[in-house]
Structure formats: structure tokens, C-alpha cells
Amino acid sequence: MVATRADRNDRRRGGRIPAILELFPDQKVESFRWHRHDYPAPIACWNYHPEYELHLITHGAGRVMIGDHIGPFEARQLVLVGPDLPHAWFSPLGEGEVMAGRDVVLQFSQSWIDGLIGLCPELAGLSQMLAESRHGLEFSGEQALRCGARLEELGERTGGARLAGAIALLADLTRCSWRRLATRHDPETPETTKGGQIARLVRQLLAADPAEIRHERIAASLGMTASTFSRQFRALTGESFMGFLQRLRIGHACHLLTTTPLAVTDICRASGFGNLSNFNRAFLSLRGCTPRQFRQQARQIAMAETRAAVVPSEGLVLS
């Protein structure tokens, strides 16, 4: 079921891409909701909801949007999304292609988890992780891979066994390494009856190579001038096309910085920036550090995960 309403503050605050409010039926027989769905599917859209969501991508790749974060994702990505944080995973597909069972999701309410923590002091460690999840948390390392497999296995359980498995899974997540994805949490999430149009437009852009996206070319493909396209894009999304494209390119650059040995100058060009000065300025503005500092932080996290595989430790946080 989908409900829509206009957010009067969105345009005044600079705006985000409008999201669809996803509402879930009241659970009468279970404490939480576990489900698996295909991609594409009606539920696989830019959406938000008041529940926490633990989301596993079982196979495939593409780009993920969580709040103001845009970045690549691959198979086995495990993310915890906090309440009212917009999110969507987009995969490039051929005509008529369907990725069966791509997404496995566990959703639970604030009241349920608060009651559980209040009843079981042993679960107090969940509080920090849940607070951080309002920015979206991506888990990494061997422990995260095991937790992802256990999330899938919950679908084979019922009754008390499923409940016990979910509680143990959430507790073990606190021992994983994680990093924040969104730079801020904004609970005032806009909605629109044009959500379908937005999803289609964003899906096209996210499936493309950021270095190949050209303002004029996209406008022409839609039969518009560049200025008309810009006005309509801002009217639909609440942000400029160039601002969106810059976030897309910086997300791609972050992926290359952490997964390849390419020089920063090469990553600059591969991400679609014309010169290193503009690249560094945009990166610093969006990520709060330079590309070289970001790569150094990523290496430190990777080293910490290697040590954690030998000596278990508490969750590591990268803001």
C-alpha cells in the first residue's frame, strides 16, 4: 500500500528526490517482517518507512541511494537503514530481465526493538548501532558475510526459532565493522504522486557510466532543450541536475579509490571531472576529506577488518 502527501518544507530546504512512503500491514502473528523480492518489483523503488530495515543484496550489482548517499553496490552488500531514511537499489537490466530474489529484507518497528532492549539488558549494545543507522550503515568483513547468510536462512524458520534467530542476528551485527553512508539524517521526507516518473529517471541515470553522462545529450534524448530539462528535473526532484550528477560522480570515485590502485588523476577523469582542481573541491565538499585522505581511511578500515578476523572486536565506525 502506498500513501502520498506533499512536503511543504522540501523546496525551502534545498530538496531531495521525492520518495514514496511504504506502509506495512499490522503484524498480528510476528514481531517483525521478513521477505524476499525480485528486481524490478513495485516494492523496489525510492521509498522510506518508519521501520528499521536490514537489507541484503543476494546477487547482482548497480548503484544504491540512501539519503544523500549515492554509490555502487555488489552482491552480498548488507545495509541497516534507519526509520524514515529514503533508500533504493538500482541494477541495470536488459529488456524484460528480472533478477529473481535479489533482495532479502528484515523490517522491525521502533517500539518492538525498544521493548526488547528494555526487557533484555544484554541487548543494550544495540542502541548505538540503531542510532547510527539513521544515516544508513554498510557492514563489511567476514562477520558481515556470515550475518548476511543468516538473514537469508531466517526465511526457512518459523515461530520461536525465527524470533531467536533474528535477535541473535541483530546482536551479532554490533560486532561487525560498519560505515555511515548518508552524511546527514533528514526525517522530513517528501512524497509525490510523480514518484513513478522520478524512479524511472533516476534508474536511467544510475545505470549509466557517470563519466559518459552529458547534460545536453540527456535533454536531447527527451526532446527538450538543456534549460527546459534542468527546470523539469529540479521541479521533480527538488535539486539541480548538475548537483545530482556531481554526487553520482563522487560516489563512483569513492568506489574506484577503495577498489583499484588507479592514481587520483586517473580516477578524476574516469569519474567525469575535467580537471583535478574541480574534482578535489567537489570531493571535499561532499565527503569532508580529500580523495587521498579517503583512500587512506579506507585502507585503515581494511587493515582493521583483517585484524578483527583474527581477534574479535567491537564494531568499527567510519563517519
C-alpha atoms as a PDB file:
ATOM      1  CA  MET A   1       0.000   0.000   0.000  1.00  0.00           C
ATOM      2  CA  VAL A   2       1.348   3.450  -0.899  1.00  0.00           C
ATOM      3  CA  ALA A   3       0.245   6.786   0.514  1.00  0.00           C
ATOM      4  CA  THR A   4       1.311  10.204  -0.720  1.00  0.00           C
ATOM      5  CA  ARG A   5       1.381  13.751   0.666  1.00  0.00           C
ATOM      6  CA  ALA A   6       3.180  16.987  -0.259  1.00  0.00           C
ATOM      7  CA  ASP A   7       6.120  18.038   1.873  1.00  0.00           C
ATOM      8  CA  ARG A   8       5.906  21.814   2.137  1.00  0.00           C
ATOM      9  CA  ASN A   9       9.391  22.195   3.566  1.00  0.00           C
ATOM     10  CA  ASP A  10      11.240  20.261   0.872  1.00  0.00           C
ATOM     11  CA  ARG A  11      11.805  23.051  -1.638  1.00  0.00           C
ATOM     12  CA  ARG A  12      12.635  25.564   1.083  1.00  0.00           C
ATOM     13  CA  ARG A  13      15.317  23.236   2.472  1.00  0.00           C
ATOM     14  CA  GLY A  14      17.049  22.586  -0.843  1.00  0.00           C
ATOM     15  CA  GLY A  15      15.169  19.386  -1.536  1.00  0.00           C
ATOM     16  CA  ARG A  16      15.790  15.722  -2.130  1.00  0.00           C
ATOM     17  CA  ILE A  17      14.480  13.345  -4.728  1.00  0.00           C
ATOM     18  CA  PRO A  18      10.864  12.706  -3.606  1.00  0.00           C
ATOM     19  CA  ALA A  19      10.346   9.287  -2.034  1.00  0.00           C
ATOM     20  CA  ILE A  20       7.288   7.075  -1.674  1.00  0.00           C
ATOM     21  CA  LEU A  21       6.027   6.239   1.802  1.00  0.00           C
ATOM     22  CA  GLU A  22       5.889   2.465   2.153  1.00  0.00           C
ATOM     23  CA  LEU A  23       3.272   1.247   4.636  1.00  0.00           C
ATOM     24  CA  PHE A  24       3.187  -2.262   6.066  1.00  0.00           C
ATOM     25  CA  PRO A  25       0.139  -4.170   7.327  1.00  0.00           C
ATOM     26  CA  ASP A  26      -0.048  -4.579  11.078  1.00  0.00           C
ATOM     27  CA  GLN A  27       1.751  -7.794  12.084  1.00  0.00           C
ATOM     28  CA  LYS A  28      -0.583  -9.980  14.147  1.00  0.00           C
ATOM     29  CA  VAL A  29       1.456 -13.181  14.217  1.00  0.00           C
ATOM     30  CA  GLU A  30       5.087 -12.000  14.029  1.00  0.00           C
ATOM     31  CA  SER A  31       7.247  -9.448  15.824  1.00  0.00           C
ATOM     32  CA  PHE A  32       8.908  -8.335  12.590  1.00  0.00           C
ATOM     33  CA  ARG A  33       8.622  -8.735   8.820  1.00  0.00           C
ATOM     34  CA  TRP A  34      10.991 -10.907   6.735  1.00  0.00           C
ATOM     35  CA  HIS A  35      10.565 -11.070   2.981  1.00  0.00           C
ATOM     36  CA  ARG A  36      12.432 -11.638  -0.272  1.00  0.00           C
ATOM     37  CA  HIS A  37      11.573  -9.879  -3.519  1.00  0.00           C
ATOM     38  CA  ASP A  38      12.663  -9.670  -7.137  1.00  0.00           C
ATOM     39  CA  TYR A  39      14.078  -6.727  -9.040  1.00  0.00           C
ATOM     40  CA  PRO A  40      12.354  -4.915 -10.596  1.00  0.00           C
ATOM     41  CA  ALA A  41       9.286  -5.050  -8.376  1.00  0.00           C
ATOM     42  CA  PRO A  42       6.728  -2.479  -7.196  1.00  0.00           C
ATOM     43  CA  ILE A  43       8.354  -2.505  -3.771  1.00  0.00           C
ATOM     44  CA  ALA A  44      11.844  -1.897  -5.231  1.00  0.00           C
ATOM     45  CA  CYS A  45      11.527   1.875  -5.574  1.00  0.00           C
ATOM     46  CA  TRP A  46      12.850   5.044  -3.927  1.00  0.00           C
ATOM     47  CA  ASN A  47      10.938   4.760  -0.650  1.00  0.00           C
ATOM     48  CA  TYR A  48      11.001   5.255   3.093  1.00  0.00           C
ATOM     49  CA  HIS A  49       9.064   3.953   6.099  1.00  0.00           C
ATOM     50  CA  PRO A  50       9.050   4.275   9.917  1.00  0.00           C
ATOM     51  CA  GLU A  51      10.564   0.802  10.448  1.00  0.00           C
ATOM     52  CA  TYR A  52      14.233  -0.167  10.642  1.00  0.00           C
ATOM     53  CA  GLU A  53      15.302  -2.255   7.644  1.00  0.00           C
ATOM     54  CA  LEU A  54      18.171  -4.744   7.377  1.00  0.00           C
ATOM     55  CA  HIS A  55      18.688  -5.200   3.624  1.00  0.00           C
ATOM     56  CA  LEU A  56      20.781  -7.845   1.855  1.00  0.00           C
ATOM     57  CA  ILE A  57      21.552  -7.919  -1.878  1.00  0.00           C
ATOM     58  CA  THR A  58      21.922 -11.612  -2.694  1.00  0.00           C
ATOM     59  CA  HIS A  59      23.205 -11.183  -6.259  1.00  0.00           C
ATOM     60  CA  GLY A  60      23.715  -8.547  -8.927  1.00  0.00           C
ATOM     61  CA  ALA A  61      25.255  -5.092  -8.843  1.00  0.00           C
ATOM     62  CA  GLY A  62      24.342  -1.474  -9.508  1.00  0.00           C
ATOM     63  CA  ARG A  63      24.044   1.772  -7.599  1.00  0.00           C
ATOM     64  CA  VAL A  64      22.425   2.402  -4.243  1.00  0.00           C
ATOM     65  CA  MET A  65      20.836   5.618  -2.985  1.00  0.00           C
ATOM     66  CA  ILE A  66      20.453   6.036   0.774  1.00  0.00           C
ATOM     67  CA  GLY A  67      19.600   9.543   1.928  1.00  0.00           C
ATOM     68  CA  ASP A  68      22.124  11.815   0.222  1.00  0.00           C
ATOM     69  CA  HIS A  69      24.499   8.909  -0.478  1.00  0.00           C
ATOM     70  CA  ILE A  70      24.945   7.529  -3.993  1.00  0.00           C
ATOM     71  CA  GLY A  71      27.410   4.696  -4.509  1.00  0.00           C
ATOM     72  CA  PRO A  72      27.967   1.304  -6.129  1.00  0.00           C
ATOM     73  CA  PHE A  73      26.805  -1.962  -4.627  1.00  0.00           C
ATOM     74  CA  GLU A  74      27.691  -5.577  -5.298  1.00  0.00           C
ATOM     75  CA  ALA A  75      26.373  -8.983  -4.303  1.00  0.00           C
ATOM     76  CA  ARG A  76      26.246  -9.657  -0.536  1.00  0.00           C
ATOM     77  CA  GLN A  77      26.037  -5.983   0.441  1.00  0.00           C
ATOM     78  CA  LEU A  78      24.389  -5.763   3.876  1.00  0.00           C
ATOM     79  CA  VAL A  79      22.914  -2.439   4.993  1.00  0.00           C
ATOM     80  CA  LEU A  80      20.883  -1.278   8.001  1.00  0.00           C
ATOM     81  CA  VAL A  81      18.556   1.608   7.141  1.00  0.00           C
ATOM     82  CA  GLY A  82      17.039   3.624   9.981  1.00  0.00           C
ATOM     83  CA  PRO A  83      13.456   4.942  10.201  1.00  0.00           C
ATOM     84  CA  ASP A  84      12.268   7.437   7.559  1.00  0.00           C
ATOM     85  CA  LEU A  85      15.546   7.307   5.598  1.00  0.00           C
ATOM     86  CA  PRO A  86      14.875   7.118   1.821  1.00  0.00           C
ATOM     87  CA  HIS A  87      16.622   4.245   0.051  1.00  0.00           C
ATOM     88  CA  ALA A  88      16.687   2.270  -3.208  1.00  0.00           C
ATOM     89  CA  TRP A  89      18.945  -0.192  -5.038  1.00  0.00           C
ATOM     90  CA  PHE A  90      19.037   0.144  -8.855  1.00  0.00           C
ATOM     91  CA  SER A  91      20.506  -2.538 -11.152  1.00  0.00           C
ATOM     92  CA  PRO A  92      20.934  -2.125 -14.930  1.00  0.00           C
ATOM     93  CA  LEU A  93      18.722  -4.643 -16.738  1.00  0.00           C
ATOM     94  CA  GLY A  94      18.091  -5.812 -20.257  1.00  0.00           C
ATOM     95  CA  GLU A  95      14.638  -5.681 -21.829  1.00  0.00           C
ATOM     96  CA  GLY A  96      12.309  -7.929 -19.838  1.00  0.00           C
ATOM     97  CA  GLU A  97      15.090  -9.073 -17.480  1.00  0.00           C
ATOM     98  CA  VAL A  98      14.195  -9.927 -13.878  1.00  0.00           C
ATOM     99  CA  MET A  99      16.633 -10.634 -11.039  1.00  0.00           C
ATOM    100  CA  ALA A 100      14.750 -13.243  -9.030  1.00  0.00           C
ATOM    101  CA  GLY A 101      15.036 -12.964  -5.252  1.00  0.00           C
ATOM    102  CA  ARG A 102      17.682 -10.231  -5.414  1.00  0.00           C
ATOM    103  CA  ASP A 103      16.661  -8.577  -2.140  1.00  0.00           C
ATOM    104  CA  VAL A 104      16.206 -10.085   1.321  1.00  0.00           C
ATOM    105  CA  VAL A 105      14.756  -7.718   3.913  1.00  0.00           C
ATOM    106  CA  LEU A 106      14.111  -7.755   7.669  1.00  0.00           C
ATOM    107  CA  GLN A 107      11.959  -4.888   8.989  1.00  0.00           C
ATOM    108  CA  PHE A 108      11.093  -4.130  12.595  1.00  0.00           C
ATOM    109  CA  SER A 109       9.488  -1.263  14.473  1.00  0.00           C
ATOM    110  CA  GLN A 110      10.989   1.185  16.952  1.00  0.00           C
ATOM    111  CA  SER A 111       8.539   0.079  19.635  1.00  0.00           C
ATOM    112  CA  TRP A 112       9.451  -3.610  19.221  1.00  0.00           C
ATOM    113  CA  ILE A 113      13.199  -3.104  19.436  1.00  0.00           C
ATOM    114  CA  ASP A 114      12.881  -0.619  22.318  1.00  0.00           C
ATOM    115  CA  GLY A 115      10.771  -3.107  24.235  1.00  0.00           C
ATOM    116  CA  LEU A 116      13.263  -5.877  23.542  1.00  0.00           C
ATOM    117  CA  ILE A 117      16.211  -3.798  24.760  1.00  0.00           C
ATOM    118  CA  GLY A 118      14.255  -2.775  27.863  1.00  0.00           C
ATOM    119  CA  LEU A 119      13.399  -6.390  28.636  1.00  0.00           C
ATOM    120  CA  CYS A 120      16.874  -7.794  27.892  1.00  0.00           C
ATOM    121  CA  PRO A 121      19.796  -5.720  29.275  1.00  0.00           C
ATOM    122  CA  GLU A 122      22.167  -7.956  27.304  1.00  0.00           C
ATOM    123  CA  LEU A 123      20.961  -6.188  24.152  1.00  0.00           C
ATOM    124  CA  ALA A 124      21.831  -2.673  25.316  1.00  0.00           C
ATOM    125  CA  GLY A 125      24.734  -2.677  22.847  1.00  0.00           C
ATOM    126  CA  LEU A 126      22.202  -2.380  20.020  1.00  0.00           C
ATOM    127  CA  SER A 127      21.405   1.219  20.949  1.00  0.00           C
ATOM    128  CA  GLN A 128      24.481   2.807  19.346  1.00  0.00           C
ATOM    129  CA  MET A 129      24.105   0.811  16.135  1.00  0.00           C
ATOM    130  CA  LEU A 130      20.423   1.716  15.846  1.00  0.00           C
ATOM    131  CA  ALA A 131      21.180   5.396  16.414  1.00  0.00           C
ATOM    132  CA  GLU A 132      23.899   5.319  13.738  1.00  0.00           C
ATOM    133  CA  SER A 133      21.536   3.552  11.301  1.00  0.00           C
ATOM    134  CA  ARG A 134      19.610   6.791  10.816  1.00  0.00           C
ATOM    135  CA  HIS A 135      22.449   7.634   8.430  1.00  0.00           C
ATOM    136  CA  GLY A 136      22.414   4.140   6.848  1.00  0.00           C
ATOM    137  CA  LEU A 137      25.115   1.631   7.831  1.00  0.00           C
ATOM    138  CA  GLU A 138      27.005  -0.638   5.443  1.00  0.00           C
ATOM    139  CA  PHE A 139      28.537  -3.678   7.157  1.00  0.00           C
ATOM    140  CA  SER A 140      31.777  -5.243   5.951  1.00  0.00           C
ATOM    141  CA  GLY A 141      34.160  -8.098   6.689  1.00  0.00           C
ATOM    142  CA  GLU A 142      33.769 -11.827   7.198  1.00  0.00           C
ATOM    143  CA  GLN A 143      31.389 -11.367  10.128  1.00  0.00           C
ATOM    144  CA  ALA A 144      29.067  -9.299   7.909  1.00  0.00           C
ATOM    145  CA  LEU A 145      29.076 -12.023   5.236  1.00  0.00           C
ATOM    146  CA  ARG A 146      28.074 -14.581   7.862  1.00  0.00           C
ATOM    147  CA  CYS A 147      25.312 -12.284   9.125  1.00  0.00           C
ATOM    148  CA  GLY A 148      24.018 -11.899   5.569  1.00  0.00           C
ATOM    149  CA  ALA A 149      23.811 -15.669   5.173  1.00  0.00           C
ATOM    150  CA  ARG A 150      21.933 -15.931   8.473  1.00  0.00           C
ATOM    151  CA  LEU A 151      19.481 -13.255   7.323  1.00  0.00           C
ATOM    152  CA  GLU A 152      18.679 -15.418   4.294  1.00  0.00           C
ATOM    153  CA  GLU A 153      18.284 -18.504   6.485  1.00  0.00           C
ATOM    154  CA  LEU A 154      15.635 -16.771   8.616  1.00  0.00           C
ATOM    155  CA  GLY A 155      13.221 -17.358   5.746  1.00  0.00           C
ATOM    156  CA  GLU A 156      13.424 -21.098   6.399  1.00  0.00           C
ATOM    157  CA  ARG A 157      12.490 -20.731  10.073  1.00  0.00           C
ATOM    158  CA  THR A 158       9.141 -20.183  11.755  1.00  0.00           C
ATOM    159  CA  GLY A 159       7.800 -19.275  15.179  1.00  0.00           C
ATOM    160  CA  GLY A 160      10.210 -19.107  18.088  1.00  0.00           C
ATOM    161  CA  ALA A 161      13.151 -20.318  16.006  1.00  0.00           C
ATOM    162  CA  ARG A 162      12.761 -17.365  13.636  1.00  0.00           C
ATOM    163  CA  LEU A 163      12.415 -14.910  16.543  1.00  0.00           C
ATOM    164  CA  ALA A 164      15.507 -16.287  18.308  1.00  0.00           C
ATOM    165  CA  GLY A 165      17.464 -16.182  15.055  1.00  0.00           C
ATOM    166  CA  ALA A 166      16.537 -12.550  14.399  1.00  0.00           C
ATOM    167  CA  ILE A 167      17.514 -11.418  17.900  1.00  0.00           C
ATOM    168  CA  ALA A 168      20.849 -13.248  17.715  1.00  0.00           C
ATOM    169  CA  LEU A 169      21.496 -11.775  14.267  1.00  0.00           C
ATOM    170  CA  LEU A 170      20.921  -8.202  15.436  1.00  0.00           C
ATOM    171  CA  ALA A 171      23.155  -8.755  18.463  1.00  0.00           C
ATOM    172  CA  ASP A 172      25.965 -10.135  16.297  1.00  0.00           C
ATOM    173  CA  LEU A 173      25.729  -7.201  13.898  1.00  0.00           C
ATOM    174  CA  THR A 174      27.100  -4.949  16.654  1.00  0.00           C
ATOM    175  CA  ARG A 175      30.394  -6.856  16.370  1.00  0.00           C
ATOM    176  CA  CYS A 176      30.716  -6.133  12.626  1.00  0.00           C
ATOM    177  CA  SER A 177      32.666  -3.276  11.095  1.00  0.00           C
ATOM    178  CA  TRP A 178      30.395  -0.645   9.602  1.00  0.00           C
ATOM    179  CA  ARG A 179      30.488   2.746   7.954  1.00  0.00           C
ATOM    180  CA  ARG A 180      27.936   5.521   7.643  1.00  0.00           C
ATOM    181  CA  LEU A 181      26.550   6.139   4.179  1.00  0.00           C
ATOM    182  CA  ALA A 182      24.417   9.305   4.345  1.00  0.00           C
ATOM    183  CA  THR A 183      26.122  12.459   5.589  1.00  0.00           C
ATOM    184  CA  ARG A 184      23.002  13.655   7.356  1.00  0.00           C
ATOM    185  CA  HIS A 185      19.654  12.344   8.547  1.00  0.00           C
ATOM    186  CA  ASP A 186      16.577  14.244   7.418  1.00  0.00           C
ATOM    187  CA  PRO A 187      13.318  12.757   8.706  1.00  0.00           C
ATOM    188  CA  GLU A 188      11.139  15.230   6.767  1.00  0.00           C
ATOM    189  CA  THR A 189      10.871  13.056   3.671  1.00  0.00           C
ATOM    190  CA  PRO A 190       8.906  14.377   0.675  1.00  0.00           C
ATOM    191  CA  GLU A 191       6.428  12.361  -1.312  1.00  0.00           C
ATOM    192  CA  THR A 192       4.810  12.922  -4.672  1.00  0.00           C
ATOM    193  CA  THR A 193       2.285  11.403  -6.996  1.00  0.00           C
ATOM    194  CA  LYS A 194       5.043  11.653  -9.624  1.00  0.00           C
ATOM    195  CA  GLY A 195       7.169   9.104  -7.798  1.00  0.00           C
ATOM    196  CA  GLY A 196       6.986   6.688 -10.729  1.00  0.00           C
ATOM    197  CA  GLN A 197       8.426   9.272 -13.101  1.00  0.00           C
ATOM    198  CA  ILE A 198      11.249  10.030 -10.692  1.00  0.00           C
ATOM    199  CA  ALA A 199      12.108   6.358 -10.236  1.00  0.00           C
ATOM    200  CA  ARG A 200      12.355   5.830 -13.978  1.00  0.00           C
ATOM    201  CA  LEU A 201      14.526   8.913 -14.483  1.00  0.00           C
ATOM    202  CA  VAL A 202      16.848   8.087 -11.597  1.00  0.00           C
ATOM    203  CA  ARG A 203      17.129   4.451 -12.723  1.00  0.00           C
ATOM    204  CA  GLN A 204      18.352   5.588 -16.144  1.00  0.00           C
ATOM    205  CA  LEU A 205      20.984   7.865 -14.667  1.00  0.00           C
ATOM    206  CA  LEU A 206      22.207   5.371 -12.084  1.00  0.00           C
ATOM    207  CA  ALA A 207      22.623   2.662 -14.704  1.00  0.00           C
ATOM    208  CA  ALA A 208      24.906   4.879 -16.806  1.00  0.00           C
ATOM    209  CA  ASP A 209      28.644   5.484 -16.602  1.00  0.00           C
ATOM    210  CA  PRO A 210      28.949   8.826 -14.717  1.00  0.00           C
ATOM    211  CA  ALA A 211      31.810   9.886 -16.968  1.00  0.00           C
ATOM    212  CA  GLU A 212      29.589   9.477 -20.040  1.00  0.00           C
ATOM    213  CA  ILE A 213      26.551  11.410 -18.768  1.00  0.00           C
ATOM    214  CA  ARG A 214      26.122  14.686 -20.617  1.00  0.00           C
ATOM    215  CA  HIS A 215      23.501  17.278 -19.748  1.00  0.00           C
ATOM    216  CA  GLU A 216      22.726  18.251 -23.342  1.00  0.00           C
ATOM    217  CA  ARG A 217      22.647  14.637 -24.554  1.00  0.00           C
ATOM    218  CA  ILE A 218      20.099  13.583 -21.926  1.00  0.00           C
ATOM    219  CA  ALA A 219      17.934  16.624 -22.627  1.00  0.00           C
ATOM    220  CA  ALA A 220      18.018  15.912 -26.369  1.00  0.00           C
ATOM    221  CA  SER A 221      17.057  12.256 -25.814  1.00  0.00           C
ATOM    222  CA  LEU A 222      13.910  13.509 -24.063  1.00  0.00           C
ATOM    223  CA  GLY A 223      13.165  16.034 -26.790  1.00  0.00           C
ATOM    224  CA  MET A 224      13.989  19.012 -24.576  1.00  0.00           C
ATOM    225  CA  THR A 225      16.459  21.835 -24.519  1.00  0.00           C
ATOM    226  CA  ALA A 226      19.059  21.719 -21.739  1.00  0.00           C
ATOM    227  CA  SER A 227      17.394  24.591 -19.877  1.00  0.00           C
ATOM    228  CA  THR A 228      13.918  23.018 -20.080  1.00  0.00           C
ATOM    229  CA  PHE A 229      15.258  19.683 -18.860  1.00  0.00           C
ATOM    230  CA  SER A 230      17.032  21.411 -15.954  1.00  0.00           C
ATOM    231  CA  ARG A 231      13.844  23.168 -14.874  1.00  0.00           C
ATOM    232  CA  GLN A 232      11.793  19.977 -15.029  1.00  0.00           C
ATOM    233  CA  PHE A 233      14.439  17.945 -13.221  1.00  0.00           C
ATOM    234  CA  ARG A 234      14.534  20.480 -10.375  1.00  0.00           C
ATOM    235  CA  ALA A 235      10.735  20.667 -10.268  1.00  0.00           C
ATOM    236  CA  LEU A 236      10.500  16.881  -9.943  1.00  0.00           C
ATOM    237  CA  THR A 237      13.461  16.237  -7.654  1.00  0.00           C
ATOM    238  CA  GLY A 238      13.969  19.454  -5.695  1.00  0.00           C
ATOM    239  CA  GLU A 239      17.663  19.629  -6.668  1.00  0.00           C
ATOM    240  CA  SER A 240      19.653  20.640  -9.722  1.00  0.00           C
ATOM    241  CA  PHE A 241      20.646  18.067 -12.299  1.00  0.00           C
ATOM    242  CA  MET A 242      24.308  19.108 -12.003  1.00  0.00           C
ATOM    243  CA  GLY A 243      24.179  18.673  -8.222  1.00  0.00           C
ATOM    244  CA  PHE A 244      22.769  15.181  -8.641  1.00  0.00           C
ATOM    245  CA  LEU A 245      25.366  14.336 -11.285  1.00  0.00           C
ATOM    246  CA  GLN A 246      28.181  15.570  -9.056  1.00  0.00           C
ATOM    247  CA  ARG A 247      27.046  13.285  -6.228  1.00  0.00           C
ATOM    248  CA  LEU A 248      26.848  10.405  -8.695  1.00  0.00           C
ATOM    249  CA  ARG A 249      30.392  11.036  -9.931  1.00  0.00           C
ATOM    250  CA  ILE A 250      31.838  11.390  -6.430  1.00  0.00           C
ATOM    251  CA  GLY A 251      30.164   8.104  -5.434  1.00  0.00           C
ATOM    252  CA  HIS A 252      31.843   6.427  -8.414  1.00  0.00           C
ATOM    253  CA  ALA A 253      35.174   7.985  -7.439  1.00  0.00           C
ATOM    254  CA  CYS A 254      34.856   6.586  -3.901  1.00  0.00           C
ATOM    255  CA  HIS A 255      34.339   3.124  -5.368  1.00  0.00           C
ATOM    256  CA  LEU A 256      37.450   3.432  -7.536  1.00  0.00           C
ATOM    257  CA  LEU A 257      39.528   4.795  -4.645  1.00  0.00           C
ATOM    258  CA  THR A 258      38.704   1.786  -2.477  1.00  0.00           C
ATOM    259  CA  THR A 259      38.776  -0.984  -5.077  1.00  0.00           C
ATOM    260  CA  THR A 260      41.509  -0.044  -7.560  1.00  0.00           C
ATOM    261  CA  PRO A 261      45.150   1.137  -7.468  1.00  0.00           C
ATOM    262  CA  LEU A 262      44.394   3.877 -10.021  1.00  0.00           C
ATOM    263  CA  ALA A 263      46.082   7.227  -9.445  1.00  0.00           C
ATOM    264  CA  VAL A 264      43.854  10.046  -8.224  1.00  0.00           C
ATOM    265  CA  THR A 265      44.316  11.883 -11.519  1.00  0.00           C
ATOM    266  CA  ASP A 266      43.078   8.827 -13.439  1.00  0.00           C
ATOM    267  CA  ILE A 267      40.100   8.457 -11.092  1.00  0.00           C
ATOM    268  CA  CYS A 268      39.321  12.122 -11.637  1.00  0.00           C
ATOM    269  CA  ARG A 269      38.983  11.552 -15.383  1.00  0.00           C
ATOM    270  CA  ALA A 270      37.197   8.194 -15.021  1.00  0.00           C
ATOM    271  CA  SER A 271      34.573   9.861 -12.823  1.00  0.00           C
ATOM    272  CA  GLY A 272      33.814  12.531 -15.389  1.00  0.00           C
ATOM    273  CA  PHE A 273      35.689  15.552 -13.994  1.00  0.00           C
ATOM    274  CA  GLY A 274      37.547  17.785 -16.421  1.00  0.00           C
ATOM    275  CA  ASN A 275      40.345  18.796 -14.049  1.00  0.00           C
ATOM    276  CA  LEU A 276      41.850  17.759 -10.728  1.00  0.00           C
ATOM    277  CA  SER A 277      41.096  21.066  -9.002  1.00  0.00           C
ATOM    278  CA  ASN A 278      37.328  20.746  -9.560  1.00  0.00           C
ATOM    279  CA  PHE A 279      37.459  17.076  -8.555  1.00  0.00           C
ATOM    280  CA  ASN A 280      39.246  17.794  -5.263  1.00  0.00           C
ATOM    281  CA  ARG A 281      36.904  20.676  -4.455  1.00  0.00           C
ATOM    282  CA  ALA A 282      33.763  18.629  -5.139  1.00  0.00           C
ATOM    283  CA  PHE A 283      35.104  15.627  -3.216  1.00  0.00           C
ATOM    284  CA  LEU A 284      35.982  17.742  -0.169  1.00  0.00           C
ATOM    285  CA  SER A 285      32.560  19.390  -0.236  1.00  0.00           C
ATOM    286  CA  LEU A 286      30.632  16.118  -0.324  1.00  0.00           C
ATOM    287  CA  ARG A 287      32.876  13.773   1.676  1.00  0.00           C
ATOM    288  CA  GLY A 288      34.613  16.156   4.072  1.00  0.00           C
ATOM    289  CA  CYS A 289      38.095  14.998   3.077  1.00  0.00           C
ATOM    290  CA  THR A 290      40.341  14.848   0.037  1.00  0.00           C
ATOM    291  CA  PRO A 291      40.405  11.794  -2.270  1.00  0.00           C
ATOM    292  CA  ARG A 292      43.823  10.783  -0.902  1.00  0.00           C
ATOM    293  CA  GLN A 293      42.600  11.058   2.698  1.00  0.00           C
ATOM    294  CA  PHE A 294      39.538   8.982   1.809  1.00  0.00           C
ATOM    295  CA  ARG A 295      41.726   6.243   0.298  1.00  0.00           C
ATOM    296  CA  GLN A 296      43.965   6.262   3.390  1.00  0.00           C
ATOM    297  CA  GLN A 297      40.928   5.917   5.694  1.00  0.00           C
ATOM    298  CA  ALA A 298      39.613   3.035   3.581  1.00  0.00           C
ATOM    299  CA  ARG A 299      42.961   1.239   3.864  1.00  0.00           C
ATOM    300  CA  GLN A 300      42.953   1.699   7.619  1.00  0.00           C
ATOM    301  CA  ILE A 301      39.474   0.186   7.811  1.00  0.00           C
ATOM    302  CA  ALA A 302      40.576  -2.754   5.647  1.00  0.00           C
ATOM    303  CA  MET A 303      43.570  -3.370   7.935  1.00  0.00           C
ATOM    304  CA  ALA A 304      41.308  -3.204  11.000  1.00  0.00           C
ATOM    305  CA  GLU A 305      38.956  -5.756   9.417  1.00  0.00           C
ATOM    306  CA  THR A 306      41.890  -8.081   8.771  1.00  0.00           C
ATOM    307  CA  ARG A 307      42.915  -7.864  12.425  1.00  0.00           C
ATOM    308  CA  ALA A 308      39.299  -8.324  13.535  1.00  0.00           C
ATOM    309  CA  ALA A 309      39.153 -11.603  11.596  1.00  0.00           C
ATOM    310  CA  VAL A 310      41.821 -12.899  13.974  1.00  0.00           C
ATOM    311  CA  VAL A 311      40.874 -11.064  17.181  1.00  0.00           C
ATOM    312  CA  PRO A 312      37.109 -10.280  17.540  1.00  0.00           C
ATOM    313  CA  SER A 313      36.419  -6.642  18.401  1.00  0.00           C
ATOM    314  CA  GLU A 314      33.546  -4.219  18.786  1.00  0.00           C
ATOM    315  CA  GLY A 315      32.026  -2.515  15.756  1.00  0.00           C
ATOM    316  CA  LEU A 316      34.305  -0.050  13.962  1.00  0.00           C
ATOM    317  CA  VAL A 317      32.658   3.135  12.763  1.00  0.00           C
ATOM    318  CA  LEU A 318      33.690   5.308   9.802  1.00  0.00           C
ATOM    319  CA  SER A 319      31.741   8.557   9.800  1.00  0.00           C
END
